Amino acid sequence: MTGLFPTSGENSGGGLDFITWEQAWCSEVLETPVRPQVTSMAAPRLPPPDPQFVLRGAQSAVHALHFCEGAQGQGRPLLLSGQGRDLKLCVWDLAEGRNAVVDSVLLESVGFCRASVLAGGLQRWMLAVPGRGGDEVQILEMPSKTSVCSLKPEAQARLGMPMCLQLWQADTSPRPLLLAGYEDGSVALWDVSSRKVCSRVACHTEPVMGLDFDSQEARGVSGSAEKALAVWSLDEQQALQVRGTHVLTNPGIADVKIRPDRRILATAGWDHRVRVFHWRTMKPLAVLAFHSATVHCVAFAADGLLATGSGDQRISVWSLYPRT
């Protein structure tokens, strides 16, 4: 198994650290998992699982996670690390035990917003990062670091800062699109090529902290400081519409991710818990109570593994509801 894990940032305003690792490397950072408290909400009750791995390589809170597969990894382990104070995103080569910085990108702002990666051709990929001025998103082509464009809302929109980003492409078009969650609680769809907002919808009354989108079903989900998830859709005219909300046990969602097979989704909670839902019905399936601090991020691998990162400086890796 090869995956890219962003690890911790220096603080919550600047952490964009992505680590790629292989299973052989895990022997240096694995601890013996402690059986977590898992409350299964499905019937019949199943024995609570243990995480498959627990990684303790981080020296501070883990704020971002991303599995690197296909063109992004180029067949070798990569690390993207961002420091809040020096405004640099560094590219590390970790192949064969190396730990050299092979490239870096100078960022133009610091904040809570995570970067987003979109795999392109065999030798290139696209990166979305916060831009200058607080309300901009900068799109770069990597590894050349060529600026593709900057996406800046109209002044009268008053969206505030971008808080979360997701680059994606529709199956029917090569044009890259960007979903951005903003400080005002809205989600906007950008056409990167035309640099225009296609649609925007108010999903929350608090800043959107995390979102994910199912392009096959044209349906997305987002979370905020509120006690609810918002479920929204994108129609053929590229109009976003809120379809409903799902009330949570406790307020505060830092991240949300849909598994690639579109069967389940996971949320990262301020209450130290990871909650798992059935994606189609939003039925609660399980609560993972392993971490001892805020869970900042969640990520699914292509094979279905779930990784969770927390303020307790640990990354736990889970196999839940195996794909059939």
C-alpha atoms as a PDB file:
ATOM      1  CA  MET A   1       0.000   0.000   0.000  1.00  0.00           C
ATOM      2  CA  THR A   2       1.296   3.424  -0.881  1.00  0.00           C
ATOM      3  CA  GLY A   3      -0.377   6.593   0.298  1.00  0.00           C
ATOM      4  CA  LEU A   4       0.258  10.246   0.814  1.00  0.00           C
ATOM      5  CA  PHE A   5      -0.313  11.589   4.281  1.00  0.00           C
ATOM      6  CA  PRO A   6      -0.076  15.280   4.978  1.00  0.00           C
ATOM      7  CA  THR A   7       0.973  15.441   8.592  1.00  0.00           C
ATOM      8  CA  SER A   8       0.934  18.288  10.993  1.00  0.00           C
ATOM      9  CA  GLY A   9       1.456  21.976  10.532  1.00  0.00           C
ATOM     10  CA  GLU A  10       3.090  24.309  12.997  1.00  0.00           C
ATOM     11  CA  ASN A  11      -0.291  25.709  13.930  1.00  0.00           C
ATOM     12  CA  SER A  12      -3.891  25.416  12.862  1.00  0.00           C
ATOM     13  CA  GLY A  13      -3.534  28.377  10.582  1.00  0.00           C
ATOM     14  CA  GLY A  14      -0.737  26.993   8.453  1.00  0.00           C
ATOM     15  CA  GLY A  15      -0.679  23.210   8.530  1.00  0.00           C
ATOM     16  CA  LEU A  16      -0.557  21.702   5.054  1.00  0.00           C
ATOM     17  CA  ASP A  17       1.723  18.701   5.463  1.00  0.00           C
ATOM     18  CA  PHE A  18       1.327  15.709   3.170  1.00  0.00           C
ATOM     19  CA  ILE A  19       3.302  12.522   3.799  1.00  0.00           C
ATOM     20  CA  THR A  20       3.493   9.640   1.354  1.00  0.00           C
ATOM     21  CA  TRP A  21       4.419   6.338   2.920  1.00  0.00           C
ATOM     22  CA  GLU A  22       4.711   2.656   2.162  1.00  0.00           C
ATOM     23  CA  GLN A  23       3.857  -0.213   4.446  1.00  0.00           C
ATOM     24  CA  ALA A  24       7.515  -1.079   4.967  1.00  0.00           C
ATOM     25  CA  TRP A  25       8.090   2.416   6.363  1.00  0.00           C
ATOM     26  CA  CYS A  26       5.324   1.957   8.903  1.00  0.00           C
ATOM     27  CA  SER A  27       7.408  -0.312  11.113  1.00  0.00           C
ATOM     28  CA  GLU A  28       9.313   2.727  12.315  1.00  0.00           C
ATOM     29  CA  VAL A  29       6.305   4.722  13.403  1.00  0.00           C
ATOM     30  CA  LEU A  30       3.657   2.167  14.384  1.00  0.00           C
ATOM     31  CA  GLU A  31       2.530   1.771  17.926  1.00  0.00           C
ATOM     32  CA  THR A  32       0.446  -1.082  19.277  1.00  0.00           C
ATOM     33  CA  PRO A  33      -3.157   0.048  18.769  1.00  0.00           C
ATOM     34  CA  VAL A  34      -5.236   0.543  21.874  1.00  0.00           C
ATOM     35  CA  ARG A  35      -8.744  -0.775  21.460  1.00  0.00           C
ATOM     36  CA  PRO A  36     -10.905   2.307  20.917  1.00  0.00           C
ATOM     37  CA  GLN A  37     -14.404   2.860  22.161  1.00  0.00           C
ATOM     38  CA  VAL A  38     -16.643   2.434  19.107  1.00  0.00           C
ATOM     39  CA  THR A  39     -20.365   2.900  19.390  1.00  0.00           C
ATOM     40  CA  SER A  40     -21.992   1.068  16.522  1.00  0.00           C
ATOM     41  CA  MET A  41     -25.326   2.576  15.537  1.00  0.00           C
ATOM     42  CA  ALA A  42     -26.203  -0.200  13.106  1.00  0.00           C
ATOM     43  CA  ALA A  43     -28.120  -3.348  13.993  1.00  0.00           C
ATOM     44  CA  PRO A  44     -27.028  -5.945  14.869  1.00  0.00           C
ATOM     45  CA  ARG A  45     -24.173  -4.636  16.992  1.00  0.00           C
ATOM     46  CA  LEU A  46     -20.718  -5.696  15.838  1.00  0.00           C
ATOM     47  CA  PRO A  47     -17.587  -6.006  17.980  1.00  0.00           C
ATOM     48  CA  PRO A  48     -15.713  -2.692  18.024  1.00  0.00           C
ATOM     49  CA  PRO A  49     -12.741  -2.763  15.616  1.00  0.00           C
ATOM     50  CA  ASP A  50      -9.214  -1.674  16.268  1.00  0.00           C
ATOM     51  CA  PRO A  51      -7.377   0.651  13.894  1.00  0.00           C
ATOM     52  CA  GLN A  52      -5.096  -1.309  11.596  1.00  0.00           C
ATOM     53  CA  PHE A  53      -2.243   1.130  12.193  1.00  0.00           C
ATOM     54  CA  VAL A  54      -1.526   4.030  14.497  1.00  0.00           C
ATOM     55  CA  LEU A  55       1.160   6.434  13.243  1.00  0.00           C
ATOM     56  CA  ARG A  56       2.992   8.631  15.710  1.00  0.00           C
ATOM     57  CA  GLY A  57       5.432  10.396  13.390  1.00  0.00           C
ATOM     58  CA  ALA A  58       3.876  13.843  13.899  1.00  0.00           C
ATOM     59  CA  GLN A  59       5.348  16.239  16.450  1.00  0.00           C
ATOM     60  CA  SER A  60       2.248  18.434  16.585  1.00  0.00           C
ATOM     61  CA  ALA A  61      -1.436  18.325  15.666  1.00  0.00           C
ATOM     62  CA  VAL A  62      -2.285  16.624  12.365  1.00  0.00           C
ATOM     63  CA  HIS A  63      -4.340  19.068  10.287  1.00  0.00           C
ATOM     64  CA  ALA A  64      -4.450  17.542   6.796  1.00  0.00           C
ATOM     65  CA  LEU A  65      -4.401  14.087   5.204  1.00  0.00           C
ATOM     66  CA  HIS A  66      -4.347  13.050   1.563  1.00  0.00           C
ATOM     67  CA  PHE A  67      -3.653   9.700  -0.090  1.00  0.00           C
ATOM     68  CA  CYS A  68      -1.410  10.124  -3.128  1.00  0.00           C
ATOM     69  CA  GLU A  69      -2.204   7.682  -5.911  1.00  0.00           C
ATOM     70  CA  GLY A  70      -1.751   7.520  -9.660  1.00  0.00           C
ATOM     71  CA  ALA A  71      -0.108  10.482 -11.375  1.00  0.00           C
ATOM     72  CA  GLN A  72       0.348  12.495  -8.174  1.00  0.00           C
ATOM     73  CA  GLY A  73       2.820  10.045  -6.691  1.00  0.00           C
ATOM     74  CA  GLN A  74       4.775   9.395  -9.898  1.00  0.00           C
ATOM     75  CA  GLY A  75       5.632   5.985  -8.462  1.00  0.00           C
ATOM     76  CA  ARG A  76       7.616   7.425  -5.546  1.00  0.00           C
ATOM     77  CA  PRO A  77       6.785   8.667  -2.044  1.00  0.00           C
ATOM     78  CA  LEU A  78       6.282  12.433  -1.872  1.00  0.00           C
ATOM     79  CA  LEU A  79       5.729  14.825   0.992  1.00  0.00           C
ATOM     80  CA  LEU A  80       4.080  18.225   0.654  1.00  0.00           C
ATOM     81  CA  SER A  81       4.742  20.293   3.760  1.00  0.00           C
ATOM     82  CA  GLY A  82       3.575  23.814   4.456  1.00  0.00           C
ATOM     83  CA  GLN A  83       4.840  26.069   7.234  1.00  0.00           C
ATOM     84  CA  GLY A  84       2.527  28.747   8.537  1.00  0.00           C
ATOM     85  CA  ARG A  85       5.188  31.384   9.148  1.00  0.00           C
ATOM     86  CA  ASP A  86       7.526  31.034   6.170  1.00  0.00           C
ATOM     87  CA  LEU A  87       4.636  30.717   3.666  1.00  0.00           C
ATOM     88  CA  LYS A  88       6.371  27.848   1.868  1.00  0.00           C
ATOM     89  CA  LEU A  89       4.946  24.593   0.603  1.00  0.00           C
ATOM     90  CA  CYS A  90       7.874  22.210   0.225  1.00  0.00           C
ATOM     91  CA  VAL A  91       8.036  19.078  -1.939  1.00  0.00           C
ATOM     92  CA  TRP A  92      10.121  16.332  -0.310  1.00  0.00           C
ATOM     93  CA  ASP A  93      11.447  13.188  -1.976  1.00  0.00           C
ATOM     94  CA  LEU A  94      11.174  10.292   0.472  1.00  0.00           C
ATOM     95  CA  ALA A  95      12.092   7.508  -1.967  1.00  0.00           C
ATOM     96  CA  GLU A  96      14.478   4.852  -0.616  1.00  0.00           C
ATOM     97  CA  GLY A  97      14.814   6.576   2.724  1.00  0.00           C
ATOM     98  CA  ARG A  98      15.774   9.990   1.311  1.00  0.00           C
ATOM     99  CA  ASN A  99      14.404  13.118   2.958  1.00  0.00           C
ATOM    100  CA  ALA A 100      15.518  15.898   0.616  1.00  0.00           C
ATOM    101  CA  VAL A 101      13.529  18.973  -0.373  1.00  0.00           C
ATOM    102  CA  VAL A 102      13.383  18.801  -4.165  1.00  0.00           C
ATOM    103  CA  ASP A 103      11.145  21.809  -4.732  1.00  0.00           C
ATOM    104  CA  SER A 104       9.072  24.451  -2.965  1.00  0.00           C
ATOM    105  CA  VAL A 105       6.180  26.794  -3.677  1.00  0.00           C
ATOM    106  CA  LEU A 106       5.980  30.245  -2.119  1.00  0.00           C
ATOM    107  CA  LEU A 107       2.427  30.762  -0.855  1.00  0.00           C
ATOM    108  CA  GLU A 108       0.796  34.176  -0.729  1.00  0.00           C
ATOM    109  CA  SER A 109      -1.292  33.845   2.410  1.00  0.00           C
ATOM    110  CA  VAL A 110      -1.683  31.830   5.579  1.00  0.00           C
ATOM    111  CA  GLY A 111      -4.948  30.612   7.048  1.00  0.00           C
ATOM    112  CA  PHE A 112      -7.110  27.627   7.884  1.00  0.00           C
ATOM    113  CA  CYS A 113      -7.698  26.543   4.278  1.00  0.00           C
ATOM    114  CA  ARG A 114      -6.185  23.248   3.095  1.00  0.00           C
ATOM    115  CA  ALA A 115      -4.766  22.812  -0.378  1.00  0.00           C
ATOM    116  CA  SER A 116      -6.463  20.570  -2.948  1.00  0.00           C
ATOM    117  CA  VAL A 117      -4.758  18.360  -5.531  1.00  0.00           C
ATOM    118  CA  LEU A 118      -6.112  17.216  -8.907  1.00  0.00           C
ATOM    119  CA  ALA A 119      -4.153  14.587 -10.840  1.00  0.00           C
ATOM    120  CA  GLY A 120      -3.566  15.503 -14.461  1.00  0.00           C
ATOM    121  CA  GLY A 121      -1.336  13.824 -17.014  1.00  0.00           C
ATOM    122  CA  LEU A 122       1.450  11.415 -16.150  1.00  0.00           C
ATOM    123  CA  GLN A 123       3.931  14.205 -15.486  1.00  0.00           C
ATOM    124  CA  ARG A 124       1.760  16.981 -14.041  1.00  0.00           C
ATOM    125  CA  TRP A 125      -0.928  17.782 -11.528  1.00  0.00           C
ATOM    126  CA  MET A 126      -2.912  20.801 -10.399  1.00  0.00           C
ATOM    127  CA  LEU A 127      -2.803  22.453  -6.987  1.00  0.00           C
ATOM    128  CA  ALA A 128      -5.311  24.875  -5.453  1.00  0.00           C
ATOM    129  CA  VAL A 129      -4.082  26.986  -2.530  1.00  0.00           C
ATOM    130  CA  PRO A 130      -5.262  30.157  -0.763  1.00  0.00           C
ATOM    131  CA  GLY A 131      -4.131  33.243  -2.677  1.00  0.00           C
ATOM    132  CA  ARG A 132      -3.276  36.784  -1.705  1.00  0.00           C
ATOM    133  CA  GLY A 133      -5.783  39.177  -0.219  1.00  0.00           C
ATOM    134  CA  GLY A 134      -7.535  36.641   1.981  1.00  0.00           C
ATOM    135  CA  ASP A 135     -10.409  35.924  -0.426  1.00  0.00           C
ATOM    136  CA  GLU A 136      -8.501  34.557  -3.438  1.00  0.00           C
ATOM    137  CA  VAL A 137      -7.718  30.993  -4.510  1.00  0.00           C
ATOM    138  CA  GLN A 138      -4.584  30.430  -6.571  1.00  0.00           C
ATOM    139  CA  ILE A 139      -4.408  27.583  -9.099  1.00  0.00           C
ATOM    140  CA  LEU A 140      -0.959  26.236  -9.959  1.00  0.00           C
ATOM    141  CA  GLU A 141       0.230  23.615 -12.419  1.00  0.00           C
ATOM    142  CA  MET A 142       2.758  21.325 -10.783  1.00  0.00           C
ATOM    143  CA  PRO A 143       5.590  20.538 -10.739  1.00  0.00           C
ATOM    144  CA  SER A 144       6.365  23.561 -12.949  1.00  0.00           C
ATOM    145  CA  LYS A 145       4.631  25.906 -10.455  1.00  0.00           C
ATOM    146  CA  THR A 146       3.105  27.738 -13.400  1.00  0.00           C
ATOM    147  CA  SER A 147       0.258  29.982 -12.296  1.00  0.00           C
ATOM    148  CA  VAL A 148      -2.914  28.928 -14.076  1.00  0.00           C
ATOM    149  CA  CYS A 149      -5.121  31.648 -12.613  1.00  0.00           C
ATOM    150  CA  SER A 150      -6.384  33.347  -9.471  1.00  0.00           C
ATOM    151  CA  LEU A 151     -10.030  33.053  -8.513  1.00  0.00           C
ATOM    152  CA  LYS A 152     -11.322  36.137  -6.715  1.00  0.00           C
ATOM    153  CA  PRO A 153     -15.010  36.678  -5.904  1.00  0.00           C
ATOM    154  CA  GLU A 154     -16.646  39.965  -6.759  1.00  0.00           C
ATOM    155  CA  ALA A 155     -16.290  42.481  -3.951  1.00  0.00           C
ATOM    156  CA  GLN A 156     -20.037  42.787  -3.378  1.00  0.00           C
ATOM    157  CA  ALA A 157     -20.322  39.044  -2.771  1.00  0.00           C
ATOM    158  CA  ARG A 158     -18.606  39.364   0.643  1.00  0.00           C
ATOM    159  CA  LEU A 159     -17.826  35.666   0.928  1.00  0.00           C
ATOM    160  CA  GLY A 160     -14.866  36.106   3.228  1.00  0.00           C
ATOM    161  CA  MET A 161     -11.916  33.732   3.200  1.00  0.00           C
ATOM    162  CA  PRO A 162     -11.979  30.360   1.453  1.00  0.00           C
ATOM    163  CA  MET A 163     -12.002  27.732   4.195  1.00  0.00           C
ATOM    164  CA  CYS A 164     -11.907  24.478   2.179  1.00  0.00           C
ATOM    165  CA  LEU A 165     -11.256  23.569  -1.447  1.00  0.00           C
ATOM    166  CA  GLN A 166     -11.899  20.645  -3.801  1.00  0.00           C
ATOM    167  CA  LEU A 167     -10.637  20.470  -7.359  1.00  0.00           C
ATOM    168  CA  TRP A 168     -12.446  17.994  -9.610  1.00  0.00           C
ATOM    169  CA  GLN A 169     -13.343  17.199 -13.205  1.00  0.00           C
ATOM    170  CA  ALA A 170     -16.631  16.009 -14.620  1.00  0.00           C
ATOM    171  CA  ASP A 171     -16.508  12.769 -16.601  1.00  0.00           C
ATOM    172  CA  THR A 172     -17.980  14.568 -19.617  1.00  0.00           C
ATOM    173  CA  SER A 173     -15.570  17.514 -19.715  1.00  0.00           C
ATOM    174  CA  PRO A 174     -11.804  18.087 -19.370  1.00  0.00           C
ATOM    175  CA  ARG A 175     -12.360  21.521 -17.813  1.00  0.00           C
ATOM    176  CA  PRO A 176     -11.233  21.622 -14.172  1.00  0.00           C
ATOM    177  CA  LEU A 177     -13.786  22.810 -11.624  1.00  0.00           C
ATOM    178  CA  LEU A 178     -13.346  23.986  -8.051  1.00  0.00           C
ATOM    179  CA  LEU A 179     -15.756  23.742  -5.152  1.00  0.00           C
ATOM    180  CA  ALA A 180     -14.896  26.230  -2.406  1.00  0.00           C
ATOM    181  CA  GLY A 181     -16.430  26.596   1.030  1.00  0.00           C
ATOM    182  CA  TYR A 182     -16.307  30.160   2.362  1.00  0.00           C
ATOM    183  CA  GLU A 183     -16.264  32.023   5.631  1.00  0.00           C
ATOM    184  CA  ASP A 184     -19.850  33.245   5.134  1.00  0.00           C
ATOM    185  CA  GLY A 185     -21.163  29.641   5.131  1.00  0.00           C
ATOM    186  CA  SER A 186     -21.682  29.333   1.382  1.00  0.00           C
ATOM    187  CA  VAL A 187     -20.336  26.837  -1.154  1.00  0.00           C
ATOM    188  CA  ALA A 188     -19.365  28.121  -4.613  1.00  0.00           C
ATOM    189  CA  LEU A 189     -18.635  26.279  -7.850  1.00  0.00           C
ATOM    190  CA  TRP A 190     -15.876  27.846  -9.975  1.00  0.00           C
ATOM    191  CA  ASP A 191     -15.057  27.149 -13.619  1.00  0.00           C
ATOM    192  CA  VAL A 192     -11.264  27.350 -13.422  1.00  0.00           C
ATOM    193  CA  SER A 193     -10.812  27.920 -17.159  1.00  0.00           C
ATOM    194  CA  SER A 194     -13.183  30.896 -17.343  1.00  0.00           C
ATOM    195  CA  ARG A 195     -12.401  32.104 -13.800  1.00  0.00           C
ATOM    196  CA  LYS A 196     -16.099  32.556 -13.105  1.00  0.00           C
ATOM    197  CA  VAL A 197     -18.471  31.409 -10.391  1.00  0.00           C
ATOM    198  CA  CYS A 198     -21.024  29.080 -11.957  1.00  0.00           C
ATOM    199  CA  SER A 199     -23.212  28.855  -8.883  1.00  0.00           C
ATOM    200  CA  ARG A 200     -23.254  29.551  -5.162  1.00  0.00           C
ATOM    201  CA  VAL A 201     -25.539  28.368  -2.363  1.00  0.00           C
ATOM    202  CA  ALA A 202     -25.804  29.235   1.353  1.00  0.00           C
ATOM    203  CA  CYS A 203     -25.340  25.979   3.267  1.00  0.00           C
ATOM    204  CA  HIS A 204     -24.419  27.089   6.783  1.00  0.00           C
ATOM    205  CA  THR A 205     -24.587  30.065   9.116  1.00  0.00           C
ATOM    206  CA  GLU A 206     -20.971  29.417  10.168  1.00  0.00           C
ATOM    207  CA  PRO A 207     -17.800  29.086   8.024  1.00  0.00           C
ATOM    208  CA  VAL A 208     -17.656  25.910   5.924  1.00  0.00           C
ATOM    209  CA  MET A 209     -14.809  23.877   7.430  1.00  0.00           C
ATOM    210  CA  GLY A 210     -14.967  20.798   5.192  1.00  0.00           C
ATOM    211  CA  LEU A 211     -16.733  19.517   2.089  1.00  0.00           C
ATOM    212  CA  ASP A 212     -16.705  16.645  -0.379  1.00  0.00           C
ATOM    213  CA  PHE A 213     -18.463  15.989  -3.666  1.00  0.00           C
ATOM    214  CA  ASP A 214     -19.741  12.839  -5.373  1.00  0.00           C
ATOM    215  CA  SER A 215     -19.358  13.692  -9.065  1.00  0.00           C
ATOM    216  CA  GLN A 216     -21.202  10.585 -10.263  1.00  0.00           C
ATOM    217  CA  GLU A 217     -24.307  11.430  -8.261  1.00  0.00           C
ATOM    218  CA  ALA A 218     -23.767  15.219  -8.540  1.00  0.00           C
ATOM    219  CA  ARG A 219     -24.268  15.421  -4.787  1.00  0.00           C
ATOM    220  CA  GLY A 220     -22.121  16.906  -2.046  1.00  0.00           C
ATOM    221  CA  VAL A 221     -21.892  17.317   1.704  1.00  0.00           C
ATOM    222  CA  SER A 222     -20.361  19.980   3.949  1.00  0.00           C
ATOM    223  CA  GLY A 223     -19.806  20.665   7.627  1.00  0.00           C
ATOM    224  CA  SER A 224     -19.153  23.687   9.824  1.00  0.00           C
ATOM    225  CA  ALA A 225     -19.134  24.712  13.480  1.00  0.00           C
ATOM    226  CA  GLU A 226     -22.863  24.037  13.507  1.00  0.00           C
ATOM    227  CA  LYS A 227     -24.557  20.918  14.799  1.00  0.00           C
ATOM    228  CA  ALA A 228     -25.536  19.743  11.306  1.00  0.00           C
ATOM    229  CA  LEU A 229     -24.233  18.498   7.982  1.00  0.00           C
ATOM    230  CA  ALA A 230     -25.627  20.063   4.806  1.00  0.00           C
ATOM    231  CA  VAL A 231     -26.332  17.887   1.771  1.00  0.00           C
ATOM    232  CA  TRP A 232     -26.515  19.665  -1.581  1.00  0.00           C
ATOM    233  CA  SER A 233     -26.684  18.838  -5.273  1.00  0.00           C
ATOM    234  CA  LEU A 234     -25.494  20.163  -8.625  1.00  0.00           C
ATOM    235  CA  ASP A 235     -27.933  20.068 -11.552  1.00  0.00           C
ATOM    236  CA  GLU A 236     -27.232  19.933 -15.279  1.00  0.00           C
ATOM    237  CA  GLN A 237     -27.228  23.749 -15.442  1.00  0.00           C
ATOM    238  CA  GLN A 238     -24.460  23.758 -12.803  1.00  0.00           C
ATOM    239  CA  ALA A 239     -26.753  25.225 -10.168  1.00  0.00           C
ATOM    240  CA  LEU A 240     -26.088  24.259  -6.550  1.00  0.00           C
ATOM    241  CA  GLN A 241     -29.107  23.512  -4.352  1.00  0.00           C
ATOM    242  CA  VAL A 242     -29.348  22.490  -0.696  1.00  0.00           C
ATOM    243  CA  ARG A 243     -31.249  19.203  -0.448  1.00  0.00           C
ATOM    244  CA  GLY A 244     -31.363  18.823   3.308  1.00  0.00           C
ATOM    245  CA  THR A 245     -29.505  18.820   6.594  1.00  0.00           C
ATOM    246  CA  HIS A 246     -28.553  16.072   9.005  1.00  0.00           C
ATOM    247  CA  VAL A 247     -28.516  16.978  12.708  1.00  0.00           C
ATOM    248  CA  LEU A 248     -25.453  15.792  14.643  1.00  0.00           C
ATOM    249  CA  THR A 249     -24.995  14.787  18.261  1.00  0.00           C
ATOM    250  CA  ASN A 250     -22.394  17.491  18.909  1.00  0.00           C
ATOM    251  CA  PRO A 251     -21.476  20.685  17.023  1.00  0.00           C
ATOM    252  CA  GLY A 252     -18.226  21.187  15.126  1.00  0.00           C
ATOM    253  CA  ILE A 253     -17.094  19.399  11.958  1.00  0.00           C
ATOM    254  CA  ALA A 254     -13.505  19.959  10.833  1.00  0.00           C
ATOM    255  CA  ASP A 255     -13.548  17.734   7.738  1.00  0.00           C
ATOM    256  CA  VAL A 256     -15.796  15.394   5.766  1.00  0.00           C
ATOM    257  CA  LYS A 257     -14.923  12.795   3.126  1.00  0.00           C
ATOM    258  CA  ILE A 258     -16.892  10.341   0.950  1.00  0.00           C
ATOM    259  CA  ARG A 259     -15.330   6.938   0.300  1.00  0.00           C
ATOM    260  CA  PRO A 260     -14.413   6.391  -3.370  1.00  0.00           C
ATOM    261  CA  ASP A 261     -17.036   3.662  -3.771  1.00  0.00           C
ATOM    262  CA  ARG A 262     -19.661   6.205  -2.598  1.00  0.00           C
ATOM    263  CA  ARG A 263     -21.099   3.870   0.054  1.00  0.00           C
ATOM    264  CA  ILE A 264     -20.097   5.648   3.255  1.00  0.00           C
ATOM    265  CA  LEU A 265     -18.761   8.998   4.438  1.00  0.00           C
ATOM    266  CA  ALA A 266     -16.752  10.014   7.486  1.00  0.00           C
ATOM    267  CA  THR A 267     -16.631  13.250   9.475  1.00  0.00           C
ATOM    268  CA  ALA A 268     -13.882  14.670  11.689  1.00  0.00           C
ATOM    269  CA  GLY A 269     -15.376  16.100  14.871  1.00  0.00           C
ATOM    270  CA  TRP A 270     -14.345  18.728  17.362  1.00  0.00           C
ATOM    271  CA  ASP A 271     -15.657  16.296  20.014  1.00  0.00           C
ATOM    272  CA  HIS A 272     -12.679  13.957  19.307  1.00  0.00           C
ATOM    273  CA  ARG A 273     -14.854  11.539  17.348  1.00  0.00           C
ATOM    274  CA  VAL A 274     -15.085  10.238  13.813  1.00  0.00           C
ATOM    275  CA  ARG A 275     -18.625   9.545  12.671  1.00  0.00           C
ATOM    276  CA  VAL A 276     -19.440   7.202   9.815  1.00  0.00           C
ATOM    277  CA  PHE A 277     -22.648   7.516   7.781  1.00  0.00           C
ATOM    278  CA  HIS A 278     -24.292   5.702   4.897  1.00  0.00           C
ATOM    279  CA  TRP A 279     -23.846   8.174   2.028  1.00  0.00           C
ATOM    280  CA  ARG A 280     -27.124   7.581   0.207  1.00  0.00           C
ATOM    281  CA  THR A 281     -29.407   7.627   3.259  1.00  0.00           C
ATOM    282  CA  MET A 282     -27.230   9.549   5.756  1.00  0.00           C
ATOM    283  CA  LYS A 283     -28.017   6.840   8.297  1.00  0.00           C
ATOM    284  CA  PRO A 284     -25.468   6.868  11.179  1.00  0.00           C
ATOM    285  CA  LEU A 285     -23.395   3.688  11.146  1.00  0.00           C
ATOM    286  CA  ALA A 286     -20.637   4.076  13.736  1.00  0.00           C
ATOM    287  CA  VAL A 287     -18.795   6.436  16.070  1.00  0.00           C
ATOM    288  CA  LEU A 288     -15.021   5.967  16.429  1.00  0.00           C
ATOM    289  CA  ALA A 289     -13.861   7.341  19.781  1.00  0.00           C
ATOM    290  CA  PHE A 290     -10.145   6.520  19.530  1.00  0.00           C
ATOM    291  CA  HIS A 291      -8.572   9.988  19.555  1.00  0.00           C
ATOM    292  CA  SER A 292      -8.080  12.098  22.683  1.00  0.00           C
ATOM    293  CA  ALA A 293      -8.257  15.528  21.004  1.00  0.00           C
ATOM    294  CA  THR A 294     -10.073  17.254  18.142  1.00  0.00           C
ATOM    295  CA  VAL A 295     -10.077  15.198  14.956  1.00  0.00           C
ATOM    296  CA  HIS A 296      -8.961  17.661  12.285  1.00  0.00           C
ATOM    297  CA  CYS A 297      -9.009  15.546   9.130  1.00  0.00           C
ATOM    298  CA  VAL A 298     -10.147  12.320   7.506  1.00  0.00           C
ATOM    299  CA  ALA A 299      -9.154  10.699   4.199  1.00  0.00           C
ATOM    300  CA  PHE A 300     -10.085   7.569   2.249  1.00  0.00           C
ATOM    301  CA  ALA A 301      -7.718   5.569   0.065  1.00  0.00           C
ATOM    302  CA  ALA A 302      -8.800   4.001  -3.219  1.00  0.00           C
ATOM    303  CA  ASP A 303      -8.917   0.590  -1.498  1.00  0.00           C
ATOM    304  CA  GLY A 304     -11.300   1.922   1.159  1.00  0.00           C
ATOM    305  CA  LEU A 305      -8.921   2.423   4.082  1.00  0.00           C
ATOM    306  CA  LEU A 306      -9.842   5.368   6.314  1.00  0.00           C
ATOM    307  CA  ALA A 307      -7.149   7.582   7.850  1.00  0.00           C
ATOM    308  CA  THR A 308      -7.904  10.071  10.630  1.00  0.00           C
ATOM    309  CA  GLY A 309      -5.650  12.802  12.019  1.00  0.00           C
ATOM    310  CA  SER A 310      -6.011  14.552  15.348  1.00  0.00           C
ATOM    311  CA  GLY A 311      -4.704  17.144  17.737  1.00  0.00           C
ATOM    312  CA  ASP A 312      -3.332  14.258  19.806  1.00  0.00           C
ATOM    313  CA  GLN A 313      -0.527  13.995  17.173  1.00  0.00           C
ATOM    314  CA  ARG A 314      -1.673  10.577  15.977  1.00  0.00           C
ATOM    315  CA  ILE A 315      -2.879   9.243  12.629  1.00  0.00           C
ATOM    316  CA  SER A 316      -5.067   6.159  12.847  1.00  0.00           C
ATOM    317  CA  VAL A 317      -5.815   3.936   9.848  1.00  0.00           C
ATOM    318  CA  TRP A 318      -9.012   1.893   9.756  1.00  0.00           C
ATOM    319  CA  SER A 319     -10.657  -0.804   7.665  1.00  0.00           C
ATOM    320  CA  LEU A 320     -14.427  -0.314   8.042  1.00  0.00           C
ATOM    321  CA  TYR A 321     -17.277  -1.913   6.113  1.00  0.00           C
ATOM    322  CA  PRO A 322     -14.946  -3.615   3.601  1.00  0.00           C
ATOM    323  CA  ARG A 323     -15.744  -3.083  -0.047  1.00  0.00           C
ATOM    324  CA  THR A 324     -17.367  -6.037  -1.781  1.00  0.00           C
END
